[in-house]
Amino acid sequence: MDGVLVDTRGSFQLTTLQTVKFFTKKSVTLRELHAWKNRPGFNDDWKLSTAWVKDLGADVAYDEIKKKFQEIYWGENSRGNVSKEKWLLRKSTLARLAKHAELAIFTGRTWQELNYTLDRNDVRRIFKTIVTVEEVAKPKPAPDGLLKILNGRAPSIALYVGDNVDDALAAQSAQVRFLAILPRTGEERRQRSTRLLQLGALAILNDVNELESWLPKPPII
């Protein structure tokens, strides 16, 4: 979801930086943020923010950090950083993809966070199965969500599109093919591309809108 279907640089990423700065009074950078995200187990921004705050010497409880993160992210009447999100995949492309494949979402988001984005962009009906962090016993990098989507079907039928190390590890554990999306320039590309290829990414696309042309053409019936 994040970094693939939705640009979260102004929402989740910015909120993480602002949360860490609030508790530590130290300026932190996107470069440092992506260094954290390159570590397994830090797909969860609340967990990442807590670990980062502690690493910078501030002794703050997880629940307190989560509360402040949510305040910054949502703001009043959903006018906080969440309002800066941008949907990335063209609706026409999404509709064509849905005609040829069963589309599903496995995300580290909660339902509240996901519902806001799906409803705001009117795309909920496109996805047959949606698995949030609240539906799995173990979050990414565990493969639980992918296995739930497969529902006993062969992993070879599926392709998981993601942008981080936890996505790649989840796909690897589920034996599902993995395709990476990373911006053409920026810290994600500089810090993460080699690692994702090492973890089995079939390719790294610059934009999710390149997905349709990358996929094999469906047979004409």
Protein backbone atom coordinates (compact mmCIF):
# COMPACT_ATOMS: atom_id res chain seq x y z
CA MET A 1 0.00 0.00 0.00
CA ASP A 2 2.35 2.71 1.26
CA GLY A 3 5.04 3.67 -1.20
CA VAL A 4 3.33 1.62 -3.91
CA LEU A 5 -0.28 2.74 -4.24
CA VAL A 6 0.04 5.80 -2.02
CA ASP A 7 2.74 8.47 -1.71
CA THR A 8 3.24 8.78 2.05
CA ARG A 9 6.19 11.15 2.11
CA GLY A 10 3.96 13.94 3.41
CA SER A 11 1.93 11.70 5.72
CA PHE A 12 3.52 8.71 7.47
CA GLN A 13 7.13 9.64 6.70
CA LEU A 14 6.74 13.28 7.72
CA THR A 15 4.80 12.28 10.84
CA THR A 16 7.59 9.91 11.89
CA LEU A 17 10.18 12.67 11.56
CA GLN A 18 8.01 15.14 13.47
CA THR A 19 7.22 12.63 16.22
CA VAL A 20 10.88 11.76 16.79
CA LYS A 21 11.83 15.43 16.83
CA PHE A 22 9.02 16.23 19.30
CA PHE A 23 10.32 13.77 21.88
CA THR A 24 14.07 14.15 21.33
CA LYS A 25 14.29 17.84 20.36
CA LYS A 26 16.73 16.73 17.68
CA SER A 27 16.44 17.26 13.92
CA VAL A 28 16.23 13.98 12.06
CA THR A 29 16.37 13.33 8.34
CA LEU A 30 14.78 11.20 5.65
CA ARG A 31 18.12 9.54 5.13
CA GLU A 32 18.08 8.36 8.74
CA LEU A 33 14.44 7.31 8.46
CA HIS A 34 15.12 5.07 5.49
CA ALA A 35 18.14 3.58 7.22
CA TRP A 36 15.71 2.45 9.93
CA LYS A 37 13.25 1.16 7.35
CA ASN A 38 15.98 -0.93 5.77
CA ARG A 39 16.07 -3.02 8.94
CA PRO A 40 13.70 -5.98 9.18
CA GLY A 41 10.75 -5.44 11.52
CA PHE A 42 10.38 -1.68 11.14
CA ASN A 43 7.47 -1.51 8.72
CA ASP A 44 5.38 -0.32 11.71
CA ASP A 45 5.93 3.44 12.08
CA TRP A 46 4.89 3.46 15.75
CA LYS A 47 7.46 0.78 16.53
CA LEU A 48 10.09 2.52 14.42
CA SER A 49 9.45 5.89 16.09
CA THR A 50 9.72 4.34 19.56
CA ALA A 51 13.00 2.58 18.76
CA TRP A 52 14.41 5.74 17.17
CA VAL A 53 13.44 7.94 20.12
CA LYS A 54 15.07 5.53 22.53
CA ASP A 55 18.16 5.27 20.33
CA LEU A 56 18.51 9.06 20.59
CA GLY A 57 18.46 8.85 24.39
CA ALA A 58 14.87 9.71 25.29
CA ASP A 59 13.04 7.30 27.57
CA VAL A 60 9.47 7.50 26.30
CA ALA A 61 6.86 4.73 26.41
CA TYR A 62 5.48 3.23 23.21
CA ASP A 63 1.89 4.26 24.05
CA GLU A 64 2.90 7.89 24.52
CA ILE A 65 4.75 7.96 21.23
CA LYS A 66 1.85 6.29 19.44
CA LYS A 67 -0.58 8.86 20.86
CA LYS A 68 1.51 11.81 19.67
CA PHE A 69 2.07 10.16 16.28
CA GLN A 70 -1.70 9.79 15.82
CA GLU A 71 -2.31 13.39 16.85
CA ILE A 72 0.12 14.64 14.22
CA TYR A 73 -1.01 12.20 11.55
CA TRP A 74 -4.76 12.79 11.86
CA GLY A 75 -4.90 16.36 13.14
CA GLU A 76 -8.34 17.86 13.68
CA ASN A 77 -11.09 16.48 11.46
CA SER A 78 -8.54 14.48 9.44
CA ARG A 79 -6.74 17.65 8.36
CA GLY A 80 -3.34 16.61 9.65
CA ASN A 81 -0.58 15.01 7.64
CA VAL A 82 -2.98 12.32 6.44
CA SER A 83 -4.51 14.90 4.12
CA LYS A 84 -1.18 15.16 2.25
CA GLU A 85 -1.35 11.60 0.94
CA LYS A 86 -1.46 11.13 -2.82
CA TRP A 87 -2.92 8.15 -4.67
CA LEU A 88 -0.36 6.99 -7.24
CA LEU A 89 -1.90 4.38 -9.55
CA ARG A 90 -4.06 5.76 -12.34
CA LYS A 91 -7.69 4.67 -11.93
CA SER A 92 -7.91 3.57 -15.56
CA THR A 93 -4.86 1.33 -15.12
CA LEU A 94 -6.25 -0.10 -11.89
CA ALA A 95 -9.53 -0.96 -13.61
CA ARG A 96 -7.74 -2.75 -16.46
CA LEU A 97 -5.57 -4.73 -14.04
CA ALA A 98 -8.68 -5.81 -12.12
CA LYS A 99 -10.15 -7.29 -15.32
CA HIS A 100 -7.20 -9.67 -15.71
CA ALA A 101 -6.26 -10.50 -12.13
CA GLU A 102 -7.68 -10.73 -8.63
CA LEU A 103 -6.34 -7.71 -6.77
CA ALA A 104 -5.69 -7.78 -3.03
CA ILE A 105 -4.05 -5.61 -0.38
CA PHE A 106 -1.79 -6.77 2.45
CA THR A 107 -0.82 -3.74 4.51
CA GLY A 108 0.73 -2.77 7.81
CA ARG A 109 -1.98 -0.15 8.19
CA THR A 110 -4.91 -0.36 10.59
CA TRP A 111 -8.44 -0.37 9.21
CA GLN A 112 -8.94 3.25 10.26
CA GLU A 113 -5.93 4.35 8.23
CA LEU A 114 -6.83 2.16 5.28
CA ASN A 115 -10.51 3.11 5.19
CA TYR A 116 -9.64 6.79 4.97
CA THR A 117 -7.49 6.26 1.88
CA LEU A 118 -9.71 3.73 0.09
CA ASP A 119 -12.84 5.83 0.57
CA ARG A 120 -11.16 9.13 -0.23
CA ASN A 121 -9.97 7.70 -3.55
CA ASP A 122 -13.05 5.54 -4.22
CA VAL A 123 -11.12 2.34 -4.93
CA ARG A 124 -12.34 -0.10 -2.27
CA ARG A 125 -14.51 -2.12 -4.69
CA ILE A 126 -11.49 -2.91 -6.88
CA PHE A 127 -9.84 -5.12 -4.26
CA LYS A 128 -11.34 -8.55 -3.59
CA THR A 129 -9.36 -9.25 -0.42
CA ILE A 130 -7.91 -6.81 2.08
CA VAL A 131 -5.72 -7.86 4.99
CA THR A 132 -4.58 -5.22 7.49
CA VAL A 133 -2.21 -5.57 10.41
CA GLU A 134 -5.27 -6.20 12.59
CA GLU A 135 -6.12 -9.42 10.73
CA VAL A 136 -2.84 -11.24 11.33
CA ALA A 137 -1.25 -12.83 14.38
CA LYS A 138 2.18 -11.69 13.23
CA PRO A 139 2.77 -8.57 11.09
CA LYS A 140 5.33 -8.22 8.31
CA PRO A 141 7.95 -9.55 7.78
CA ALA A 142 5.90 -12.62 8.70
CA PRO A 143 3.99 -13.98 5.68
CA ASP A 144 0.64 -14.37 7.49
CA GLY A 145 -1.21 -11.78 5.39
CA LEU A 146 -0.03 -13.21 2.07
CA LEU A 147 -0.96 -16.73 3.15
CA LYS A 148 -4.40 -15.49 4.14
CA ILE A 149 -4.89 -13.94 0.70
CA LEU A 150 -3.72 -17.14 -1.01
CA ASN A 151 -6.18 -19.15 1.09
CA GLY A 152 -4.56 -22.45 0.19
CA ARG A 153 -3.85 -21.63 -3.44
CA ALA A 154 -0.39 -22.14 -4.93
CA PRO A 155 2.02 -19.26 -4.22
CA SER A 156 3.16 -19.42 -7.84
CA ILE A 157 -0.08 -17.78 -8.98
CA ALA A 158 0.61 -14.61 -7.04
CA LEU A 159 2.78 -11.53 -7.38
CA TYR A 160 3.37 -9.26 -4.39
CA VAL A 161 4.30 -5.65 -5.12
CA GLY A 162 6.05 -3.76 -2.33
CA ASP A 163 8.70 -1.20 -1.52
CA ASN A 164 10.56 -2.30 1.59
CA VAL A 165 12.59 -5.05 3.21
CA ASP A 166 9.66 -6.41 5.24
CA ASP A 167 7.60 -6.76 2.04
CA ALA A 168 10.40 -8.73 0.38
CA LEU A 169 10.91 -10.97 3.41
CA ALA A 170 7.17 -11.68 3.68
CA ALA A 171 7.04 -12.65 0.01
CA GLN A 172 10.12 -14.82 0.40
CA SER A 173 8.59 -16.67 3.38
CA ALA A 174 5.31 -17.17 1.52
CA GLN A 175 7.19 -18.30 -1.63
CA VAL A 176 5.39 -15.59 -3.60
CA ARG A 177 7.12 -13.69 -6.41
CA PHE A 178 8.09 -10.16 -5.41
CA LEU A 179 8.26 -6.98 -7.48
CA ALA A 180 9.69 -3.79 -5.99
CA ILE A 181 8.63 -0.18 -6.53
CA LEU A 182 11.12 2.56 -5.63
CA PRO A 183 11.25 6.19 -6.75
CA ARG A 184 13.75 6.84 -9.53
CA THR A 185 15.72 9.13 -7.21
CA GLY A 186 15.89 9.64 -3.46
CA GLU A 187 16.90 7.81 -0.31
CA GLU A 188 14.66 4.79 -0.92
CA ARG A 189 16.39 4.05 -4.21
CA ARG A 190 19.91 4.75 -2.93
CA GLN A 191 19.59 2.74 0.25
CA ARG A 192 17.22 -0.06 -0.65
CA SER A 193 17.49 -1.18 -4.28
CA THR A 194 20.46 -3.52 -3.88
CA ARG A 195 18.98 -5.11 -0.76
CA LEU A 196 15.61 -5.78 -2.40
CA LEU A 197 17.29 -7.43 -5.37
CA GLN A 198 19.31 -9.57 -2.97
CA LEU A 199 16.03 -10.62 -1.34
CA GLY A 200 14.65 -11.83 -4.65
CA ALA A 201 12.89 -8.88 -6.28
CA LEU A 202 12.21 -9.75 -9.92
CA ALA A 203 12.77 -6.12 -10.88
CA ILE A 204 12.58 -2.61 -9.47
CA LEU A 205 10.15 -0.26 -11.15
CA ASN A 206 10.31 3.50 -10.75
CA ASP A 207 6.57 3.96 -10.47
CA VAL A 208 3.56 1.72 -9.95
CA ASN A 209 2.14 3.03 -13.23
CA GLU A 210 4.88 1.02 -14.99
CA LEU A 211 3.38 -2.22 -13.64
CA GLU A 212 0.90 -2.76 -16.48
CA SER A 213 3.56 -2.65 -19.20
CA TRP A 214 5.92 -4.83 -17.12
CA LEU A 215 3.39 -7.64 -16.71
CA PRO A 216 3.01 -10.29 -19.43
CA LYS A 217 0.22 -9.39 -21.81
CA PRO A 218 -2.98 -11.38 -21.11
CA PRO A 219 -4.19 -13.66 -23.89
CA ILE A 220 -6.77 -12.24 -26.27
CA ILE A 221 -9.99 -14.23 -26.00
